[in-house]
């Protein structure tokens, strides 16, 4: 289409997505991450491949504006879901676009963070669920979300060994630490265990609708 925003809209038709797919920023941006040694890595690929812990991430240019449709969708939402996804190269960058985190925080909708099942090599090595929430709080302050959804079932030893060989491991559902930060937790068996580990989409959807929508 010659335009990224238009290509996103067109892809909703090609992929038969039952809702609008709207990119957060209105223009081109670059992602940068400050590593534990103080140096900066640029771009999702280089950041993900880093073996050093990440201190913080930022966008360049810093004050890129969001599309009006994004802010309007947040204002009209009944439920806002954040995650799962790569913490520093997907979840946080989407919220760094100017005005989006504030719109989420000011929304009257219920705001829910869905914790990842597994850590990501280099990016969140050794992270628990509380560490993911801590990173969100460090970037955006308290009050961004109301609830944190956690998986309570451990994956099979066979898959854990496979992920360990790649430098990843299960994300521990340490709800006590999360609740100590002021968030409420919803813990359930959400694991879909096949050749890879994923959230069971039907089980997760039923949980979210039953707990947050059908009230």
Protein backbone atom coordinates (compact mmCIF):
# COMPACT_ATOMS: atom_id res chain seq x y z
CA UNK A 1 0.00 0.00 0.00
CA UNK A 2 3.01 2.31 0.42
CA UNK A 3 1.85 3.19 3.95
CA UNK A 4 2.39 1.15 7.12
CA UNK A 5 -0.89 2.18 8.75
CA UNK A 6 -2.84 1.30 5.62
CA UNK A 7 -1.03 -2.03 5.35
CA UNK A 8 -2.14 -2.87 8.89
CA UNK A 9 -5.72 -2.09 7.98
CA UNK A 10 -5.45 -4.18 4.81
CA UNK A 11 -3.96 -7.10 6.72
CA UNK A 12 -7.06 -7.31 8.94
CA UNK A 13 -9.02 -8.19 5.81
CA UNK A 14 -6.41 -10.57 4.39
CA UNK A 15 -6.09 -12.43 7.71
CA UNK A 16 -9.82 -12.17 8.54
CA UNK A 17 -9.10 -10.50 11.90
CA UNK A 18 -12.46 -9.69 13.53
CA UNK A 19 -11.35 -6.30 14.83
CA UNK A 20 -9.20 -3.35 13.83
CA UNK A 21 -5.42 -3.69 13.92
CA UNK A 22 -4.00 -0.24 14.68
CA UNK A 23 -0.26 0.45 15.07
CA UNK A 24 0.61 2.59 18.09
CA UNK A 25 2.84 5.27 16.50
CA UNK A 26 1.93 7.45 13.57
CA UNK A 27 5.48 7.41 12.17
CA UNK A 28 8.72 5.47 12.04
CA UNK A 29 10.48 4.89 15.36
CA UNK A 30 13.60 3.13 16.58
CA UNK A 31 13.91 1.18 19.83
CA UNK A 32 16.93 1.61 22.09
CA UNK A 33 17.79 -0.26 25.29
CA UNK A 34 20.27 0.72 27.98
CA UNK A 35 22.08 -2.36 29.23
CA UNK A 36 23.46 -3.08 32.67
CA UNK A 37 26.92 -1.79 31.68
CA UNK A 38 25.44 1.58 30.66
CA UNK A 39 25.78 1.04 26.93
CA UNK A 40 22.87 1.38 24.52
CA UNK A 41 21.73 -1.27 22.03
CA UNK A 42 19.59 -0.23 19.08
CA UNK A 43 16.93 -2.27 17.34
CA UNK A 44 14.82 -5.21 18.43
CA UNK A 45 17.21 -7.85 17.09
CA UNK A 46 20.31 -6.48 18.81
CA UNK A 47 18.43 -5.89 22.05
CA UNK A 48 17.04 -9.42 22.11
CA UNK A 49 20.47 -10.92 21.42
CA UNK A 50 22.14 -9.05 24.26
CA UNK A 51 23.39 -11.20 27.12
CA UNK A 52 23.40 -8.29 29.57
CA UNK A 53 20.35 -7.36 31.66
CA UNK A 54 18.28 -4.45 30.36
CA UNK A 55 17.89 -1.35 32.54
CA UNK A 56 15.45 0.62 30.43
CA UNK A 57 14.17 1.08 26.88
CA UNK A 58 13.22 4.20 24.97
CA UNK A 59 11.97 5.28 21.55
CA UNK A 60 13.74 7.56 19.12
CA UNK A 61 12.34 10.03 18.28
CA UNK A 62 11.04 10.25 21.84
CA UNK A 63 7.88 12.27 21.21
CA UNK A 64 6.36 10.31 18.34
CA UNK A 65 2.60 10.79 18.38
CA UNK A 66 0.03 7.98 18.44
CA UNK A 67 -2.66 7.59 15.84
CA UNK A 68 -5.94 9.21 16.99
CA UNK A 69 -7.69 5.86 16.48
CA UNK A 70 -5.48 4.31 19.17
CA UNK A 71 -6.41 6.85 21.83
CA UNK A 72 -10.06 6.64 20.81
CA UNK A 73 -10.04 2.84 21.13
CA UNK A 74 -8.51 3.11 24.61
CA UNK A 75 -11.15 5.66 25.67
CA UNK A 76 -13.98 3.44 24.45
CA UNK A 77 -12.62 0.17 25.86
CA UNK A 78 -14.36 -1.90 28.53
CA UNK A 79 -11.29 -4.07 29.04
CA UNK A 80 -7.66 -3.32 28.20
CA UNK A 81 -5.29 -6.29 27.92
CA UNK A 82 -1.53 -5.82 27.98
CA UNK A 83 0.61 -8.78 26.98
CA UNK A 84 1.65 -11.48 26.72
CA UNK A 85 4.65 -10.64 24.58
CA UNK A 86 8.32 -9.72 24.62
CA UNK A 87 8.58 -7.39 27.59
CA UNK A 88 11.25 -4.93 26.43
CA UNK A 89 10.83 -5.20 22.65
CA UNK A 90 7.05 -5.43 22.30
CA UNK A 91 4.95 -4.69 25.38
CA UNK A 92 6.80 -1.71 26.84
CA UNK A 93 7.63 -0.03 23.47
CA UNK A 94 3.93 0.05 22.51
CA UNK A 95 3.19 1.93 25.72
CA UNK A 96 6.12 4.34 25.27
CA UNK A 97 4.40 6.13 22.40
CA UNK A 98 3.48 9.57 23.77
CA UNK A 99 0.09 9.65 25.45
CA UNK A 100 -0.71 5.93 25.35
CA UNK A 101 0.34 4.98 28.88
CA UNK A 102 -1.48 8.04 30.25
CA UNK A 103 -4.60 7.11 28.27
CA UNK A 104 -4.48 3.57 29.66
CA UNK A 105 -3.96 4.83 33.21
CA UNK A 106 -6.83 7.35 32.90
CA UNK A 107 -9.22 4.86 31.30
CA UNK A 108 -12.32 3.73 33.17
CA UNK A 109 -11.82 0.24 31.71
CA UNK A 110 -10.44 -2.66 33.70
CA UNK A 111 -6.75 -2.95 32.87
CA UNK A 112 -5.14 -6.38 32.91
CA UNK A 113 -1.56 -7.51 32.37
CA UNK A 114 -1.23 -11.11 31.15
CA UNK A 115 2.10 -12.47 32.30
CA UNK A 116 4.32 -14.46 29.97
CA UNK A 117 4.65 -18.20 30.46
CA UNK A 118 8.38 -18.39 29.74
CA UNK A 119 11.32 -16.05 29.97
CA UNK A 120 13.03 -14.81 26.81
CA UNK A 121 16.74 -15.56 26.41
CA UNK A 122 18.83 -12.43 26.95
CA UNK A 123 15.81 -10.16 27.35
CA UNK A 124 14.20 -11.47 30.54
CA UNK A 125 16.54 -14.25 31.65
CA UNK A 126 15.71 -15.30 35.20
CA UNK A 127 12.63 -13.05 35.43
CA UNK A 128 9.65 -14.01 37.53
CA UNK A 129 6.17 -12.58 36.94
CA UNK A 130 6.87 -9.95 39.59
CA UNK A 131 10.00 -8.88 37.71
CA UNK A 132 7.89 -8.30 34.59
CA UNK A 133 5.44 -6.19 36.59
CA UNK A 134 8.32 -4.32 38.23
CA UNK A 135 9.72 -3.40 34.80
CA UNK A 136 6.33 -2.00 33.77
CA UNK A 137 6.13 0.02 36.99
CA UNK A 138 9.68 1.36 36.57
CA UNK A 139 8.88 2.59 33.07
CA UNK A 140 5.37 3.95 33.64
CA UNK A 141 4.84 4.31 37.37
CA UNK A 142 2.14 2.63 39.47
CA UNK A 143 -1.48 2.37 38.44
CA UNK A 144 -1.02 1.27 34.83
CA UNK A 145 -2.93 -1.97 35.42
CA UNK A 146 -5.38 -3.26 38.01
CA UNK A 147 -4.93 -7.01 37.63
CA UNK A 148 -2.18 -9.46 36.71
CA UNK A 149 -3.15 -12.82 35.17
CA UNK A 150 -0.79 -15.67 36.05
CA UNK A 151 -0.49 -19.28 34.97
CA UNK A 152 -0.24 -21.73 37.86
CA UNK A 153 0.48 -25.03 36.06
CA UNK A 154 4.08 -26.04 35.57
CA UNK A 155 5.08 -27.28 32.11
CA UNK A 156 6.29 -30.83 31.65
CA UNK A 157 9.96 -31.58 32.47
CA UNK A 158 10.51 -32.51 28.81
CA UNK A 159 9.56 -29.07 27.54
CA UNK A 160 11.34 -27.32 30.40
CA UNK A 161 14.56 -29.09 29.37
CA UNK A 162 14.05 -28.02 25.77
CA UNK A 163 13.53 -24.39 26.76
CA UNK A 164 16.43 -24.47 29.20
CA UNK A 165 18.70 -25.56 26.37
CA UNK A 166 17.72 -22.34 24.59
CA UNK A 167 18.29 -20.17 27.66
CA UNK A 168 14.63 -19.82 28.67
CA UNK A 169 12.67 -21.01 31.69
CA UNK A 170 9.21 -20.89 33.26
CA UNK A 171 8.00 -17.56 34.64
CA UNK A 172 7.21 -18.15 38.30
CA UNK A 173 3.75 -16.97 39.46
CA UNK A 174 4.98 -15.14 42.54
CA UNK A 175 1.67 -13.46 43.33
CA UNK A 176 2.64 -12.43 46.84
CA UNK A 177 5.35 -10.09 45.50
CA UNK A 178 2.94 -8.70 42.91
CA UNK A 179 0.22 -8.10 45.48
CA UNK A 180 2.78 -6.37 47.69
CA UNK A 181 3.24 -3.87 44.82
CA UNK A 182 -0.47 -3.04 45.00
CA UNK A 183 -1.83 -5.21 42.18
CA UNK A 184 -4.47 -7.92 42.28
CA UNK A 185 -3.72 -11.36 40.86
CA UNK A 186 -5.85 -13.87 39.01
CA UNK A 187 -4.18 -17.29 38.93
CA UNK A 188 -5.42 -20.18 36.78
CA UNK A 189 -4.30 -23.12 34.67
CA UNK A 190 -3.76 -21.44 31.31
CA UNK A 191 -1.12 -23.68 29.75
CA UNK A 192 -1.48 -25.13 26.27
CA UNK A 193 1.34 -27.61 25.94
CA UNK A 194 2.20 -28.81 22.46
CA UNK A 195 5.52 -28.65 20.66
CA UNK A 196 5.81 -25.17 22.22
CA UNK A 197 4.22 -23.55 25.26
CA UNK A 198 1.40 -21.10 24.71
CA UNK A 199 -1.58 -19.74 26.60
CA UNK A 200 -4.66 -21.80 25.84
CA UNK A 201 -6.67 -19.16 23.93
CA UNK A 202 -10.13 -20.54 24.74
CA UNK A 203 -9.37 -21.05 28.43
CA UNK A 204 -7.83 -17.60 28.72
CA UNK A 205 -10.74 -15.95 26.90
CA UNK A 206 -13.32 -17.68 29.10
CA UNK A 207 -11.43 -16.65 32.22
CA UNK A 208 -11.25 -13.00 31.14
CA UNK A 209 -14.89 -12.81 30.07
CA UNK A 210 -16.18 -14.58 33.18
CA UNK A 211 -14.10 -12.51 35.58
CA UNK A 212 -14.09 -9.08 33.95
CA UNK A 213 -16.94 -8.81 31.45
CA UNK A 214 -19.88 -11.02 32.48
CA UNK A 215 -20.38 -9.40 35.87
